Amino acid sequence: RAEYRILLRQDDADMRLTPIAERIGL
């Protein structure tokens, strides 16, 4: 269902989303 599978790997979820969690305060 994801057209960008190579960008959405399980190994780099923290690289993608931890900056967002830091920004919003979680």
mmCIF file of all heavy atoms, coordinates in Angstrom:
data_MODEL
# 
_entry.id   MODEL 
# 
loop_
_atom_site.group_PDB 
_atom_site.id 
_atom_site.type_symbol 
_atom_site.label_atom_id 
_atom_site.label_alt_id 
_atom_site.label_comp_id 
_atom_site.label_asym_id 
_atom_site.label_entity_id 
_atom_site.label_seq_id 
_atom_site.pdbx_PDB_ins_code 
_atom_site.Cartn_x 
_atom_site.Cartn_y 
_atom_site.Cartn_z 
_atom_site.occupancy 
_atom_site.B_iso_or_equiv 
_atom_site.pdbx_formal_charge 
_atom_site.auth_seq_id 
_atom_site.auth_comp_id 
_atom_site.auth_asym_id 
_atom_site.auth_atom_id 
_atom_site.pdbx_PDB_model_num 
ATOM 1   N N   . ARG A 1 1  ? 0.822  -1.214 0.000  1.00 0.00 ? 1  ARG A N   1 
ATOM 2   C CA  . ARG A 1 1  ? 0.000  0.000  0.000  1.00 0.00 ? 1  ARG A CA  1 
ATOM 3   C C   . ARG A 1 1  ? 0.854  1.261  0.000  1.00 0.00 ? 1  ARG A C   1 
ATOM 4   O O   . ARG A 1 1  ? 0.351  2.359  -0.260 1.00 0.00 ? 1  ARG A O   1 
ATOM 5   C CB  . ARG A 1 1  ? -0.924 0.012  1.219  1.00 0.00 ? 1  ARG A CB  1 
ATOM 6   C CG  . ARG A 1 1  ? -1.968 -1.111 1.242  1.00 0.00 ? 1  ARG A CG  1 
ATOM 7   C CD  . ARG A 1 1  ? -3.006 -0.833 2.324  1.00 0.00 ? 1  ARG A CD  1 
ATOM 8   N NE  . ARG A 1 1  ? -3.895 -1.963 2.560  1.00 0.00 ? 1  ARG A NE  1 
ATOM 9   C CZ  . ARG A 1 1  ? -5.000 -2.220 1.880  1.00 0.00 ? 1  ARG A CZ  1 
ATOM 10  N NH1 . ARG A 1 1  ? -5.342 -1.425 0.867  1.00 0.00 ? 1  ARG A NH1 1 
ATOM 11  N NH2 . ARG A 1 1  ? -5.758 -3.262 2.186  1.00 0.00 ? 1  ARG A NH2 1 
ATOM 12  N N   . ALA A 1 2  ? 2.139  1.129  0.308  1.00 0.00 ? 2  ALA A N   1 
ATOM 13  C CA  . ALA A 1 2  ? 3.027  2.283  0.392  1.00 0.00 ? 2  ALA A CA  1 
ATOM 14  C C   . ALA A 1 2  ? 3.877  2.374  -0.864 1.00 0.00 ? 2  ALA A C   1 
ATOM 15  O O   . ALA A 1 2  ? 4.610  1.441  -1.202 1.00 0.00 ? 2  ALA A O   1 
ATOM 16  C CB  . ALA A 1 2  ? 3.918  2.164  1.626  1.00 0.00 ? 2  ALA A CB  1 
ATOM 17  N N   . GLU A 1 3  ? 3.784  3.500  -1.549 1.00 0.00 ? 3  GLU A N   1 
ATOM 18  C CA  . GLU A 1 3  ? 4.557  3.668  -2.783 1.00 0.00 ? 3  GLU A CA  1 
ATOM 19  C C   . GLU A 1 3  ? 6.011  4.027  -2.511 1.00 0.00 ? 3  GLU A C   1 
ATOM 20  O O   . GLU A 1 3  ? 6.845  3.996  -3.424 1.00 0.00 ? 3  GLU A O   1 
ATOM 21  C CB  . GLU A 1 3  ? 3.911  4.734  -3.685 1.00 0.00 ? 3  GLU A CB  1 
ATOM 22  C CG  . GLU A 1 3  ? 3.777  6.104  -3.056 1.00 0.00 ? 3  GLU A CG  1 
ATOM 23  C CD  . GLU A 1 3  ? 2.454  6.281  -2.305 1.00 0.00 ? 3  GLU A CD  1 
ATOM 24  O OE1 . GLU A 1 3  ? 2.068  5.381  -1.539 1.00 0.00 ? 3  GLU A OE1 1 
ATOM 25  O OE2 . GLU A 1 3  ? 1.830  7.344  -2.474 1.00 0.00 ? 3  GLU A OE2 1 
ATOM 26  N N   . TYR A 1 4  ? 6.346  4.363  -1.246 1.00 0.00 ? 4  TYR A N   1 
ATOM 27  C CA  . TYR A 1 4  ? 7.721  4.725  -0.893 1.00 0.00 ? 4  TYR A CA  1 
ATOM 28  C C   . TYR A 1 4  ? 8.284  3.745  0.131  1.00 0.00 ? 4  TYR A C   1 
ATOM 29  O O   . TYR A 1 4  ? 8.819  4.135  1.176  1.00 0.00 ? 4  TYR A O   1 
ATOM 30  C CB  . TYR A 1 4  ? 7.757  6.162  -0.349 1.00 0.00 ? 4  TYR A CB  1 
ATOM 31  C CG  . TYR A 1 4  ? 7.120  7.171  -1.266 1.00 0.00 ? 4  TYR A CG  1 
ATOM 32  C CD1 . TYR A 1 4  ? 5.966  7.845  -0.897 1.00 0.00 ? 4  TYR A CD1 1 
ATOM 33  C CD2 . TYR A 1 4  ? 7.663  7.440  -2.519 1.00 0.00 ? 4  TYR A CD2 1 
ATOM 34  C CE1 . TYR A 1 4  ? 5.374  8.771  -1.734 1.00 0.00 ? 4  TYR A CE1 1 
ATOM 35  C CE2 . TYR A 1 4  ? 7.078  8.361  -3.374 1.00 0.00 ? 4  TYR A CE2 1 
ATOM 36  C CZ  . TYR A 1 4  ? 5.928  9.022  -2.972 1.00 0.00 ? 4  TYR A CZ  1 
ATOM 37  O OH  . TYR A 1 4  ? 5.334  9.933  -3.824 1.00 0.00 ? 4  TYR A OH  1 
ATOM 38  N N   . ARG A 1 5  ? 8.165  2.464  -0.165 1.00 0.00 ? 5  ARG A N   1 
ATOM 39  C CA  . ARG A 1 5  ? 8.555  1.448  0.812  1.00 0.00 ? 5  ARG A CA  1 
ATOM 40  C C   . ARG A 1 5  ? 10.020 1.532  1.221  1.00 0.00 ? 5  ARG A C   1 
ATOM 41  O O   . ARG A 1 5  ? 10.358 1.270  2.367  1.00 0.00 ? 5  ARG A O   1 
ATOM 42  C CB  . ARG A 1 5  ? 8.268  0.042  0.253  1.00 0.00 ? 5  ARG A CB  1 
ATOM 43  C CG  . ARG A 1 5  ? 6.805  -0.277 0.131  1.00 0.00 ? 5  ARG A CG  1 
ATOM 44  C CD  . ARG A 1 5  ? 6.583  -1.714 -0.278 1.00 0.00 ? 5  ARG A CD  1 
ATOM 45  N NE  . ARG A 1 5  ? 7.031  -2.002 -1.628 1.00 0.00 ? 5  ARG A NE  1 
ATOM 46  C CZ  . ARG A 1 5  ? 6.317  -1.755 -2.723 1.00 0.00 ? 5  ARG A CZ  1 
ATOM 47  N NH1 . ARG A 1 5  ? 5.122  -1.195 -2.618 1.00 0.00 ? 5  ARG A NH1 1 
ATOM 48  N NH2 . ARG A 1 5  ? 6.770  -2.053 -3.914 1.00 0.00 ? 5  ARG A NH2 1 
ATOM 49  N N   . ILE A 1 6  ? 10.884 1.866  0.288  1.00 0.00 ? 6  ILE A N   1 
ATOM 50  C CA  . ILE A 1 6  ? 12.311 1.892  0.611  1.00 0.00 ? 6  ILE A CA  1 
ATOM 51  C C   . ILE A 1 6  ? 12.626 3.046  1.570  1.00 0.00 ? 6  ILE A C   1 
ATOM 52  O O   . ILE A 1 6  ? 13.623 3.014  2.294  1.00 0.00 ? 6  ILE A O   1 
ATOM 53  C CB  . ILE A 1 6  ? 13.176 1.993  -0.676 1.00 0.00 ? 6  ILE A CB  1 
ATOM 54  C CG1 . ILE A 1 6  ? 14.642 1.629  -0.384 1.00 0.00 ? 6  ILE A CG1 1 
ATOM 55  C CG2 . ILE A 1 6  ? 13.073 3.364  -1.303 1.00 0.00 ? 6  ILE A CG2 1 
ATOM 56  C CD1 . ILE A 1 6  ? 14.851 0.197  -0.055 1.00 0.00 ? 6  ILE A CD1 1 
ATOM 57  N N   . LEU A 1 7  ? 11.766 4.076  1.611  1.00 0.00 ? 7  LEU A N   1 
ATOM 58  C CA  . LEU A 1 7  ? 11.952 5.184  2.545  1.00 0.00 ? 7  LEU A CA  1 
ATOM 59  C C   . LEU A 1 7  ? 11.340 4.900  3.908  1.00 0.00 ? 7  LEU A C   1 
ATOM 60  O O   . LEU A 1 7  ? 11.681 5.563  4.892  1.00 0.00 ? 7  LEU A O   1 
ATOM 61  C CB  . LEU A 1 7  ? 11.329 6.473  1.983  1.00 0.00 ? 7  LEU A CB  1 
ATOM 62  C CG  . LEU A 1 7  ? 11.834 6.985  0.641  1.00 0.00 ? 7  LEU A CG  1 
ATOM 63  C CD1 . LEU A 1 7  ? 11.128 8.284  0.276  1.00 0.00 ? 7  LEU A CD1 1 
ATOM 64  C CD2 . LEU A 1 7  ? 13.340 7.190  0.653  1.00 0.00 ? 7  LEU A CD2 1 
ATOM 65  N N   . LEU A 1 8  ? 10.418 3.915  3.960  1.00 0.00 ? 8  LEU A N   1 
ATOM 66  C CA  . LEU A 1 8  ? 9.652  3.663  5.177  1.00 0.00 ? 8  LEU A CA  1 
ATOM 67  C C   . LEU A 1 8  ? 10.067 2.353  5.840  1.00 0.00 ? 8  LEU A C   1 
ATOM 68  O O   . LEU A 1 8  ? 9.238  1.609  6.348  1.00 0.00 ? 8  LEU A O   1 
ATOM 69  C CB  . LEU A 1 8  ? 8.149  3.633  4.857  1.00 0.00 ? 8  LEU A CB  1 
ATOM 70  C CG  . LEU A 1 8  ? 7.581  4.848  4.140  1.00 0.00 ? 8  LEU A CG  1 
ATOM 71  C CD1 . LEU A 1 8  ? 6.076  4.703  3.944  1.00 0.00 ? 8  LEU A CD1 1 
ATOM 72  C CD2 . LEU A 1 8  ? 7.888  6.136  4.900  1.00 0.00 ? 8  LEU A CD2 1 
ATOM 73  N N   . ARG A 1 9  ? 11.359 2.071  5.863  1.00 0.00 ? 9  ARG A N   1 
ATOM 74  C CA  . ARG A 1 9  ? 11.845 0.824  6.431  1.00 0.00 ? 9  ARG A CA  1 
ATOM 75  C C   . ARG A 1 9  ? 11.692 0.824  7.948  1.00 0.00 ? 9  ARG A C   1 
ATOM 76  O O   . ARG A 1 9  ? 11.683 1.868  8.585  1.00 0.00 ? 9  ARG A O   1 
ATOM 77  C CB  . ARG A 1 9  ? 13.315 0.623  6.062  1.00 0.00 ? 9  ARG A CB  1 
ATOM 78  C CG  . ARG A 1 9  ? 13.615 0.720  4.566  1.00 0.00 ? 9  ARG A CG  1 
ATOM 79  C CD  . ARG A 1 9  ? 15.089 0.474  4.286  1.00 0.00 ? 9  ARG A CD  1 
ATOM 80  N NE  . ARG A 1 9  ? 15.974 1.220  5.149  1.00 0.00 ? 9  ARG A NE  1 
ATOM 81  C CZ  . ARG A 1 9  ? 16.329 2.493  4.948  1.00 0.00 ? 9  ARG A CZ  1 
ATOM 82  N NH1 . ARG A 1 9  ? 15.867 3.155  3.904  1.00 0.00 ? 9  ARG A NH1 1 
ATOM 83  N NH2 . ARG A 1 9  ? 17.164 3.093  5.778  1.00 0.00 ? 9  ARG A NH2 1 
ATOM 84  N N   . GLN A 1 10 ? 11.620 -0.394 8.508  1.00 0.00 ? 10 GLN A N   1 
ATOM 85  C CA  . GLN A 1 10 ? 11.495 -0.501 9.957  1.00 0.00 ? 10 GLN A CA  1 
ATOM 86  C C   . GLN A 1 10 ? 12.775 -0.093 10.687 1.00 0.00 ? 10 GLN A C   1 
ATOM 87  O O   . GLN A 1 10 ? 12.724 0.369  11.823 1.00 0.00 ? 10 GLN A O   1 
ATOM 88  C CB  . GLN A 1 10 ? 11.093 -1.929 10.340 1.00 0.00 ? 10 GLN A CB  1 
ATOM 89  C CG  . GLN A 1 10 ? 12.013 -3.029 9.815  1.00 0.00 ? 10 GLN A CG  1 
ATOM 90  C CD  . GLN A 1 10 ? 13.202 -3.325 10.697 1.00 0.00 ? 10 GLN A CD  1 
ATOM 91  O OE1 . GLN A 1 10 ? 13.137 -3.152 11.902 1.00 0.00 ? 10 GLN A OE1 1 
ATOM 92  N NE2 . GLN A 1 10 ? 14.289 -3.780 10.095 1.00 0.00 ? 10 GLN A NE2 1 
ATOM 93  N N   . ASP A 1 11 ? 13.923 -0.209 10.013 1.00 0.00 ? 11 ASP A N   1 
ATOM 94  C CA  . ASP A 1 11 ? 15.185 0.071  10.710 1.00 0.00 ? 11 ASP A CA  1 
ATOM 95  C C   . ASP A 1 11 ? 15.415 1.562  10.925 1.00 0.00 ? 11 ASP A C   1 
ATOM 96  O O   . ASP A 1 11 ? 16.183 1.946  11.809 1.00 0.00 ? 11 ASP A O   1 
ATOM 97  C CB  . ASP A 1 11 ? 16.362 -0.515 9.918  1.00 0.00 ? 11 ASP A CB  1 
ATOM 98  C CG  . ASP A 1 11 ? 16.555 0.184  8.572  1.00 0.00 ? 11 ASP A CG  1 
ATOM 99  O OD1 . ASP A 1 11 ? 15.868 -0.199 7.608  1.00 0.00 ? 11 ASP A OD1 1 
ATOM 100 O OD2 . ASP A 1 11 ? 17.361 1.123  8.478  1.00 0.00 ? 11 ASP A OD2 1 
ATOM 101 N N   . ASP A 1 12 ? 14.774 2.427  10.111 1.00 0.00 ? 12 ASP A N   1 
ATOM 102 C CA  . ASP A 1 12 ? 15.072 3.855  10.217 1.00 0.00 ? 12 ASP A CA  1 
ATOM 103 C C   . ASP A 1 12 ? 13.876 4.675  10.693 1.00 0.00 ? 12 ASP A C   1 
ATOM 104 O O   . ASP A 1 12 ? 13.824 5.886  10.503 1.00 0.00 ? 12 ASP A O   1 
ATOM 105 C CB  . ASP A 1 12 ? 15.584 4.403  8.887  1.00 0.00 ? 12 ASP A CB  1 
ATOM 106 C CG  . ASP A 1 12 ? 14.477 4.620  7.861  1.00 0.00 ? 12 ASP A CG  1 
ATOM 107 O OD1 . ASP A 1 12 ? 13.445 3.928  7.944  1.00 0.00 ? 12 ASP A OD1 1 
ATOM 108 O OD2 . ASP A 1 12 ? 14.654 5.491  6.989  1.00 0.00 ? 12 ASP A OD2 1 
ATOM 109 N N   . ALA A 1 13 ? 12.901 4.025  11.338 1.00 0.00 ? 13 ALA A N   1 
ATOM 110 C CA  . ALA A 1 13 ? 11.735 4.758  11.829 1.00 0.00 ? 13 ALA A CA  1 
ATOM 111 C C   . ALA A 1 13 ? 12.160 5.869  12.795 1.00 0.00 ? 13 ALA A C   1 
ATOM 112 O O   . ALA A 1 13 ? 11.582 6.958  12.803 1.00 0.00 ? 13 ALA A O   1 
ATOM 113 C CB  . ALA A 1 13 ? 10.758 3.806  12.508 1.00 0.00 ? 13 ALA A CB  1 
ATOM 114 N N   . ASP A 1 14 ? 13.171 5.589  13.615 1.00 0.00 ? 14 ASP A N   1 
ATOM 115 C CA  . ASP A 1 14 ? 13.624 6.628  14.550 1.00 0.00 ? 14 ASP A CA  1 
ATOM 116 C C   . ASP A 1 14 ? 14.287 7.785  13.822 1.00 0.00 ? 14 ASP A C   1 
ATOM 117 O O   . ASP A 1 14 ? 14.127 8.954  14.210 1.00 0.00 ? 14 ASP A O   1 
ATOM 118 C CB  . ASP A 1 14 ? 14.559 6.041  15.612 1.00 0.00 ? 14 ASP A CB  1 
ATOM 119 C CG  . ASP A 1 14 ? 15.758 5.320  15.013 1.00 0.00 ? 14 ASP A CG  1 
ATOM 120 O OD1 . ASP A 1 14 ? 15.706 4.934  13.827 1.00 0.00 ? 14 ASP A OD1 1 
ATOM 121 O OD2 . ASP A 1 14 ? 16.752 5.108  15.746 1.00 0.00 ? 14 ASP A OD2 1 
ATOM 122 N N   . MET A 1 15 ? 15.001 7.503  12.745 1.00 0.00 ? 15 MET A N   1 
ATOM 123 C CA  . MET A 1 15 ? 15.633 8.577  11.979 1.00 0.00 ? 15 MET A CA  1 
ATOM 124 C C   . MET A 1 15 ? 14.579 9.481  11.333 1.00 0.00 ? 15 MET A C   1 
ATOM 125 O O   . MET A 1 15 ? 14.748 10.696 11.227 1.00 0.00 ? 15 MET A O   1 
ATOM 126 C CB  . MET A 1 15 ? 16.540 7.985  10.885 1.00 0.00 ? 15 MET A CB  1 
ATOM 127 C CG  . MET A 1 15 ? 17.728 7.194  11.407 1.00 0.00 ? 15 MET A CG  1 
ATOM 128 S SD  . MET A 1 15 ? 18.944 8.200  12.293 1.00 0.00 ? 15 MET A SD  1 
ATOM 129 C CE  . MET A 1 15 ? 18.646 7.677  13.984 1.00 0.00 ? 15 MET A CE  1 
ATOM 130 N N   . ARG A 1 16 ? 13.473 8.877  10.921 1.00 0.00 ? 16 ARG A N   1 
ATOM 131 C CA  . ARG A 1 16 ? 12.409 9.644  10.260 1.00 0.00 ? 16 ARG A CA  1 
ATOM 132 C C   . ARG A 1 16 ? 11.557 10.440 11.247 1.00 0.00 ? 16 ARG A C   1 
ATOM 133 O O   . ARG A 1 16 ? 11.150 11.570 10.962 1.00 0.00 ? 16 ARG A O   1 
ATOM 134 C CB  . ARG A 1 16 ? 11.491 8.688  9.483  1.00 0.00 ? 16 ARG A CB  1 
ATOM 135 C CG  . ARG A 1 16 ? 12.090 8.072  8.255  1.00 0.00 ? 16 ARG A CG  1 
ATOM 136 C CD  . ARG A 1 16 ? 11.094 7.202  7.525  1.00 0.00 ? 16 ARG A CD  1 
ATOM 137 N NE  . ARG A 1 16 ? 10.995 5.847  8.063  1.00 0.00 ? 16 ARG A NE  1 
ATOM 138 C CZ  . ARG A 1 16 ? 9.897  5.312  8.556  1.00 0.00 ? 16 ARG A CZ  1 
ATOM 139 N NH1 . ARG A 1 16 ? 8.778  6.017  8.619  1.00 0.00 ? 16 ARG A NH1 1 
ATOM 140 N NH2 . ARG A 1 16 ? 9.888  4.056  9.001  1.00 0.00 ? 16 ARG A NH2 1 
ATOM 141 N N   . LEU A 1 17 ? 11.251 9.842  12.402 1.00 0.00 ? 17 LEU A N   1 
ATOM 142 C CA  . LEU A 1 17 ? 10.165 10.376 13.224 1.00 0.00 ? 17 LEU A CA  1 
ATOM 143 C C   . LEU A 1 17 ? 10.578 10.912 14.597 1.00 0.00 ? 17 LEU A C   1 
ATOM 144 O O   . LEU A 1 17 ? 9.820  11.681 15.189 1.00 0.00 ? 17 LEU A O   1 
ATOM 145 C CB  . LEU A 1 17 ? 9.100  9.289  13.401 1.00 0.00 ? 17 LEU A CB  1 
ATOM 146 C CG  . LEU A 1 17 ? 8.478  8.771  12.097 1.00 0.00 ? 17 LEU A CG  1 
ATOM 147 C CD1 . LEU A 1 17 ? 7.502  7.641  12.366 1.00 0.00 ? 17 LEU A CD1 1 
ATOM 148 C CD2 . LEU A 1 17 ? 7.775  9.901  11.356 1.00 0.00 ? 17 LEU A CD2 1 
ATOM 149 N N   . THR A 1 18 ? 11.736 10.533 15.107 1.00 0.00 ? 18 THR A N   1 
ATOM 150 C CA  . THR A 1 18 ? 12.140 11.081 16.404 1.00 0.00 ? 18 THR A CA  1 
ATOM 151 C C   . THR A 1 18 ? 12.282 12.600 16.372 1.00 0.00 ? 18 THR A C   1 
ATOM 152 O O   . THR A 1 18 ? 11.904 13.273 17.345 1.00 0.00 ? 18 THR A O   1 
ATOM 153 C CB  . THR A 1 18 ? 13.445 10.429 16.895 1.00 0.00 ? 18 THR A CB  1 
ATOM 154 O OG1 . THR A 1 18 ? 13.230 9.020  17.041 1.00 0.00 ? 18 THR A OG1 1 
ATOM 155 C CG2 . THR A 1 18 ? 13.859 11.001 18.244 1.00 0.00 ? 18 THR A CG2 1 
ATOM 156 N N   . PRO A 1 19 ? 12.779 13.207 15.282 1.00 0.00 ? 19 PRO A N   1 
ATOM 157 C CA  . PRO A 1 19 ? 12.799 14.682 15.244 1.00 0.00 ? 19 PRO A CA  1 
ATOM 158 C C   . PRO A 1 19 ? 11.408 15.292 15.371 1.00 0.00 ? 19 PRO A C   1 
ATOM 159 O O   . PRO A 1 19 ? 11.243 16.356 15.978 1.00 0.00 ? 19 PRO A O   1 
ATOM 160 C CB  . PRO A 1 19 ? 13.421 14.983 13.873 1.00 0.00 ? 19 PRO A CB  1 
ATOM 161 C CG  . PRO A 1 19 ? 14.220 13.776 13.529 1.00 0.00 ? 19 PRO A CG  1 
ATOM 162 C CD  . PRO A 1 19 ? 13.451 12.624 14.099 1.00 0.00 ? 19 PRO A CD  1 
ATOM 163 N N   . ILE A 1 20 ? 10.398 14.605 14.822 1.00 0.00 ? 20 ILE A N   1 
ATOM 164 C CA  . ILE A 1 20 ? 9.024  15.092 14.948 1.00 0.00 ? 20 ILE A CA  1 
ATOM 165 C C   . ILE A 1 20 ? 8.561  14.962 16.389 1.00 0.00 ? 20 ILE A C   1 
ATOM 166 O O   . ILE A 1 20 ? 7.935  15.875 16.947 1.00 0.00 ? 20 ILE A O   1 
ATOM 167 C CB  . ILE A 1 20 ? 8.092  14.312 14.000 1.00 0.00 ? 20 ILE A CB  1 
ATOM 168 C CG1 . ILE A 1 20 ? 8.474  14.594 12.540 1.00 0.00 ? 20 ILE A CG1 1 
ATOM 169 C CG2 . ILE A 1 20 ? 6.633  14.670 14.249 1.00 0.00 ? 20 ILE A CG2 1 
ATOM 170 C CD1 . ILE A 1 20 ? 7.691  13.768 11.533 1.00 0.00 ? 20 ILE A CD1 1 
ATOM 171 N N   . ALA A 1 21 ? 8.877  13.826 17.021 1.00 0.00 ? 21 ALA A N   1 
ATOM 172 C CA  . ALA A 1 21 ? 8.514  13.632 18.425 1.00 0.00 ? 21 ALA A CA  1 
ATOM 173 C C   . ALA A 1 21 ? 9.178  14.682 19.304 1.00 0.00 ? 21 ALA A C   1 
ATOM 174 O O   . ALA A 1 21 ? 8.576  15.180 20.270 1.00 0.00 ? 21 ALA A O   1 
ATOM 175 C CB  . ALA A 1 21 ? 8.912  12.228 18.878 1.00 0.00 ? 21 ALA A CB  1 
ATOM 176 N N   . GLU A 1 22 ? 10.409 15.032 18.986 1.00 0.00 ? 22 GLU A N   1 
ATOM 177 C CA  . GLU A 1 22 ? 11.111 16.073 19.745 1.00 0.00 ? 22 GLU A CA  1 
ATOM 178 C C   . GLU A 1 22 ? 10.410 17.416 19.564 1.00 0.00 ? 22 GLU A C   1 
ATOM 179 O O   . GLU A 1 22 ? 10.208 18.161 20.533 1.00 0.00 ? 22 GLU A O   1 
ATOM 180 C CB  . GLU A 1 22 ? 12.565 16.166 19.275 1.00 0.00 ? 22 GLU A CB  1 
ATOM 181 C CG  . GLU A 1 22 ? 13.369 17.233 20.008 1.00 0.00 ? 22 GLU A CG  1 
ATOM 182 C CD  . GLU A 1 22 ? 14.787 17.358 19.489 1.00 0.00 ? 22 GLU A CD  1 
ATOM 183 O OE1 . GLU A 1 22 ? 15.037 16.968 18.327 1.00 0.00 ? 22 GLU A OE1 1 
ATOM 184 O OE2 . GLU A 1 22 ? 15.635 17.862 20.238 1.00 0.00 ? 22 GLU A OE2 1 
ATOM 185 N N   . ARG A 1 23 ? 9.996  17.719 18.352 1.00 0.00 ? 23 ARG A N   1 
ATOM 186 C CA  . ARG A 1 23 ? 9.368  19.009 18.063 1.00 0.00 ? 23 ARG A CA  1 
ATOM 187 C C   . ARG A 1 23 ? 8.036  19.186 18.798 1.00 0.00 ? 23 ARG A C   1 
ATOM 188 O O   . ARG A 1 23 ? 7.750  20.258 19.321 1.00 0.00 ? 23 ARG A O   1 
ATOM 189 C CB  . ARG A 1 23 ? 9.142  19.150 16.558 1.00 0.00 ? 23 ARG A CB  1 
ATOM 190 C CG  . ARG A 1 23 ? 8.652  20.525 16.138 1.00 0.00 ? 23 ARG A CG  1 
ATOM 191 C CD  . ARG A 1 23 ? 8.394  20.604 14.649 1.00 0.00 ? 23 ARG A CD  1 
ATOM 192 N NE  . ARG A 1 23 ? 7.146  19.966 14.281 1.00 0.00 ? 23 ARG A NE  1 
ATOM 193 C CZ  . ARG A 1 23 ? 7.018  19.029 13.353 1.00 0.00 ? 23 ARG A CZ  1 
ATOM 194 N NH1 . ARG A 1 23 ? 8.084  18.582 12.710 1.00 0.00 ? 23 ARG A NH1 1 
ATOM 195 N NH2 . ARG A 1 23 ? 5.841  18.517 13.068 1.00 0.00 ? 23 ARG A NH2 1 
ATOM 196 N N   . ILE A 1 24 ? 7.232  18.100 18.849 1.00 0.00 ? 24 ILE A N   1 
ATOM 197 C CA  . ILE A 1 24 ? 5.910  18.239 19.462 1.00 0.00 ? 24 ILE A CA  1 
ATOM 198 C C   . ILE A 1 24 ? 5.942  18.014 20.972 1.00 0.00 ? 24 ILE A C   1 
ATOM 199 O O   . ILE A 1 24 ? 4.971  18.324 21.655 1.00 0.00 ? 24 ILE A O   1 
ATOM 200 C CB  . ILE A 1 24 ? 4.886  17.278 18.822 1.00 0.00 ? 24 ILE A CB  1 
ATOM 201 C CG1 . ILE A 1 24 ? 5.264  15.811 19.080 1.00 0.00 ? 24 ILE A CG1 1 
ATOM 202 C CG2 . ILE A 1 24 ? 4.745  17.558 17.337 1.00 0.00 ? 24 ILE A CG2 1 
ATOM 203 C CD1 . ILE A 1 24 ? 4.239  14.824 18.563 1.00 0.00 ? 24 ILE A CD1 1 
ATOM 204 N N   . GLY A 1 25 ? 7.030  17.457 21.491 1.00 0.00 ? 25 GLY A N   1 
ATOM 205 C CA  . GLY A 1 25 ? 7.165  17.304 22.932 1.00 0.00 ? 25 GLY A CA  1 
ATOM 206 C C   . GLY A 1 25 ? 6.894  15.915 23.469 1.00 0.00 ? 25 GLY A C   1 
ATOM 207 O O   . GLY A 1 25 ? 6.683  15.751 24.674 1.00 0.00 ? 25 GLY A O   1 
ATOM 208 N N   . LEU A 1 26 ? 6.924  14.880 22.616 1.00 0.00 ? 26 LEU A N   1 
ATOM 209 C CA  . LEU A 1 26 ? 6.688  13.510 23.076 1.00 0.00 ? 26 LEU A CA  1 
ATOM 210 C C   . LEU A 1 26 ? 7.976  12.716 23.265 1.00 0.00 ? 26 LEU A C   1 
ATOM 211 O O   . LEU A 1 26 ? 7.933  11.614 23.811 1.00 0.00 ? 26 LEU A O   1 
ATOM 212 C CB  . LEU A 1 26 ? 5.781  12.761 22.090 1.00 0.00 ? 26 LEU A CB  1 
ATOM 213 C CG  . LEU A 1 26 ? 4.275  12.803 22.371 1.00 0.00 ? 26 LEU A CG  1 
ATOM 214 C CD1 . LEU A 1 26 ? 3.520  11.927 21.381 1.00 0.00 ? 26 LEU A CD1 1 
ATOM 215 C CD2 . LEU A 1 26 ? 3.950  12.382 23.796 1.00 0.00 ? 26 LEU A CD2 1 
# 
